[in-house]
Amino acid sequence: MARKAKPTKKRIPLSIKRRSRLKNKADALDGFIAAASKVLDLPAQKTWLHAIKANLLVTLRHAQSVEQFELPGGGEPAPVFKV
């Protein structure tokens, strides 16, 4: 049975304030990218910098949403079974 595609949602343009915050984060990532490429000995070509920044911004946004998720209290660690 074939699945039907979900209707696409219209994209809401970013607010000016949010755009400036993202631009500031992207500018701050320049130093991080330079330092990381030096430490890892991975040459970063200038043509790739925009894609690297975009990837890092998405990764940081995902990390922020995971960090904000509250775990229920009273959770216990999983049992460890030894053979």
C-alpha atoms as a PDB file:
ATOM      1  CA  MET A   1       0.000   0.000   0.000  1.00  0.00           C
ATOM      2  CA  ALA A   2       1.460   3.339  -1.020  1.00  0.00           C
ATOM      3  CA  ARG A   3       1.780   6.085   1.547  1.00  0.00           C
ATOM      4  CA  LYS A   4       0.487   9.548   0.865  1.00  0.00           C
ATOM      5  CA  ALA A   5       2.857  12.451   1.317  1.00  0.00           C
ATOM      6  CA  LYS A   6       2.086  14.820   4.155  1.00  0.00           C
ATOM      7  CA  PRO A   7       1.121  18.325   3.087  1.00  0.00           C
ATOM      8  CA  THR A   8       4.034  20.719   3.401  1.00  0.00           C
ATOM      9  CA  LYS A   9       3.822  23.551   5.881  1.00  0.00           C
ATOM     10  CA  LYS A  10       4.508  27.079   4.763  1.00  0.00           C
ATOM     11  CA  ARG A  11       7.819  28.373   6.056  1.00  0.00           C
ATOM     12  CA  ILE A  12       7.607  31.372   8.314  1.00  0.00           C
ATOM     13  CA  PRO A  13      10.408  33.842   7.646  1.00  0.00           C
ATOM     14  CA  LEU A  14      12.830  34.398  10.497  1.00  0.00           C
ATOM     15  CA  SER A  15      12.308  37.537  12.503  1.00  0.00           C
ATOM     16  CA  ILE A  16      14.947  40.223  12.226  1.00  0.00           C
ATOM     17  CA  LYS A  17      15.961  39.710  15.859  1.00  0.00           C
ATOM     18  CA  ARG A  18      16.389  35.949  15.376  1.00  0.00           C
ATOM     19  CA  ARG A  19      18.363  36.501  12.175  1.00  0.00           C
ATOM     20  CA  SER A  20      20.795  38.789  13.980  1.00  0.00           C
ATOM     21  CA  ARG A  21      21.242  36.219  16.780  1.00  0.00           C
ATOM     22  CA  LEU A  22      21.994  33.498  14.222  1.00  0.00           C
ATOM     23  CA  LYS A  23      24.415  35.809  12.421  1.00  0.00           C
ATOM     24  CA  ASN A  24      26.231  36.559  15.694  1.00  0.00           C
ATOM     25  CA  LYS A  25      26.479  32.817  16.431  1.00  0.00           C
ATOM     26  CA  ALA A  26      27.762  32.162  12.921  1.00  0.00           C
ATOM     27  CA  ASP A  27      30.380  34.903  13.313  1.00  0.00           C
ATOM     28  CA  ALA A  28      31.464  33.421  16.649  1.00  0.00           C
ATOM     29  CA  LEU A  29      31.862  30.031  14.996  1.00  0.00           C
ATOM     30  CA  ASP A  30      34.604  31.331  12.669  1.00  0.00           C
ATOM     31  CA  GLY A  31      37.194  31.150  15.440  1.00  0.00           C
ATOM     32  CA  PHE A  32      35.921  27.763  16.570  1.00  0.00           C
ATOM     33  CA  ILE A  33      36.147  26.345  13.048  1.00  0.00           C
ATOM     34  CA  ALA A  34      39.680  27.707  12.601  1.00  0.00           C
ATOM     35  CA  ALA A  35      40.825  26.290  15.954  1.00  0.00           C
ATOM     36  CA  ALA A  36      39.152  22.910  15.418  1.00  0.00           C
ATOM     37  CA  SER A  37      40.608  22.495  11.939  1.00  0.00           C
ATOM     38  CA  LYS A  38      44.065  23.314  13.310  1.00  0.00           C
ATOM     39  CA  VAL A  39      43.778  20.918  16.275  1.00  0.00           C
ATOM     40  CA  LEU A  40      42.343  18.112  14.140  1.00  0.00           C
ATOM     41  CA  ASP A  41      44.805  18.846  11.329  1.00  0.00           C
ATOM     42  CA  LEU A  42      41.918  19.066   8.859  1.00  0.00           C
ATOM     43  CA  PRO A  43      42.358  21.833   6.320  1.00  0.00           C
ATOM     44  CA  ALA A  44      39.076  23.728   5.877  1.00  0.00           C
ATOM     45  CA  GLN A  45      38.740  25.230   2.434  1.00  0.00           C
ATOM     46  CA  LYS A  46      37.150  28.673   2.277  1.00  0.00           C
ATOM     47  CA  THR A  47      34.466  27.350  -0.067  1.00  0.00           C
ATOM     48  CA  TRP A  48      33.344  24.935   2.668  1.00  0.00           C
ATOM     49  CA  LEU A  49      33.139  27.428   5.549  1.00  0.00           C
ATOM     50  CA  HIS A  50      29.499  28.374   4.883  1.00  0.00           C
ATOM     51  CA  ALA A  51      28.430  24.710   4.898  1.00  0.00           C
ATOM     52  CA  ILE A  52      30.485  23.989   8.023  1.00  0.00           C
ATOM     53  CA  LYS A  53      28.883  26.937   9.847  1.00  0.00           C
ATOM     54  CA  ALA A  54      25.388  25.877   8.780  1.00  0.00           C
ATOM     55  CA  ASN A  55      26.014  22.329   9.990  1.00  0.00           C
ATOM     56  CA  LEU A  56      27.330  23.538  13.354  1.00  0.00           C
ATOM     57  CA  LEU A  57      24.353  25.881  13.826  1.00  0.00           C
ATOM     58  CA  VAL A  58      21.913  23.026  13.216  1.00  0.00           C
ATOM     59  CA  THR A  59      23.873  20.762  15.570  1.00  0.00           C
ATOM     60  CA  LEU A  60      23.913  23.412  18.292  1.00  0.00           C
ATOM     61  CA  ARG A  61      20.170  24.013  17.860  1.00  0.00           C
ATOM     62  CA  HIS A  62      19.489  20.278  18.260  1.00  0.00           C
ATOM     63  CA  ALA A  63      21.755  20.107  21.316  1.00  0.00           C
ATOM     64  CA  GLN A  64      19.871  23.012  22.872  1.00  0.00           C
ATOM     65  CA  SER A  65      16.512  21.275  22.396  1.00  0.00           C
ATOM     66  CA  VAL A  66      17.855  18.062  23.944  1.00  0.00           C
ATOM     67  CA  GLU A  67      19.306  20.002  26.868  1.00  0.00           C
ATOM     68  CA  GLN A  68      15.967  21.722  27.533  1.00  0.00           C
ATOM     69  CA  PHE A  69      14.066  18.416  27.710  1.00  0.00           C
ATOM     70  CA  GLU A  70      13.396  17.530  31.327  1.00  0.00           C
ATOM     71  CA  LEU A  71      13.644  13.910  32.338  1.00  0.00           C
ATOM     72  CA  PRO A  72      11.104  12.570  34.802  1.00  0.00           C
ATOM     73  CA  GLY A  73      12.415  12.329  38.345  1.00  0.00           C
ATOM     74  CA  GLY A  74      12.777   8.933  39.948  1.00  0.00           C
ATOM     75  CA  GLY A  75      14.311   7.346  36.883  1.00  0.00           C
ATOM     76  CA  GLU A  76      16.784   4.619  37.612  1.00  0.00           C
ATOM     77  CA  PRO A  77      19.711   3.443  35.544  1.00  0.00           C
ATOM     78  CA  ALA A  78      19.241   0.345  33.450  1.00  0.00           C
ATOM     79  CA  PRO A  79      20.323  -2.911  35.082  1.00  0.00           C
ATOM     80  CA  VAL A  80      23.689  -4.357  34.092  1.00  0.00           C
ATOM     81  CA  PHE A  81      23.736  -8.067  33.385  1.00  0.00           C
ATOM     82  CA  LYS A  82      26.991 -10.004  33.584  1.00  0.00           C
ATOM     83  CA  VAL A  83      27.495 -13.466  32.186  1.00  0.00           C
END
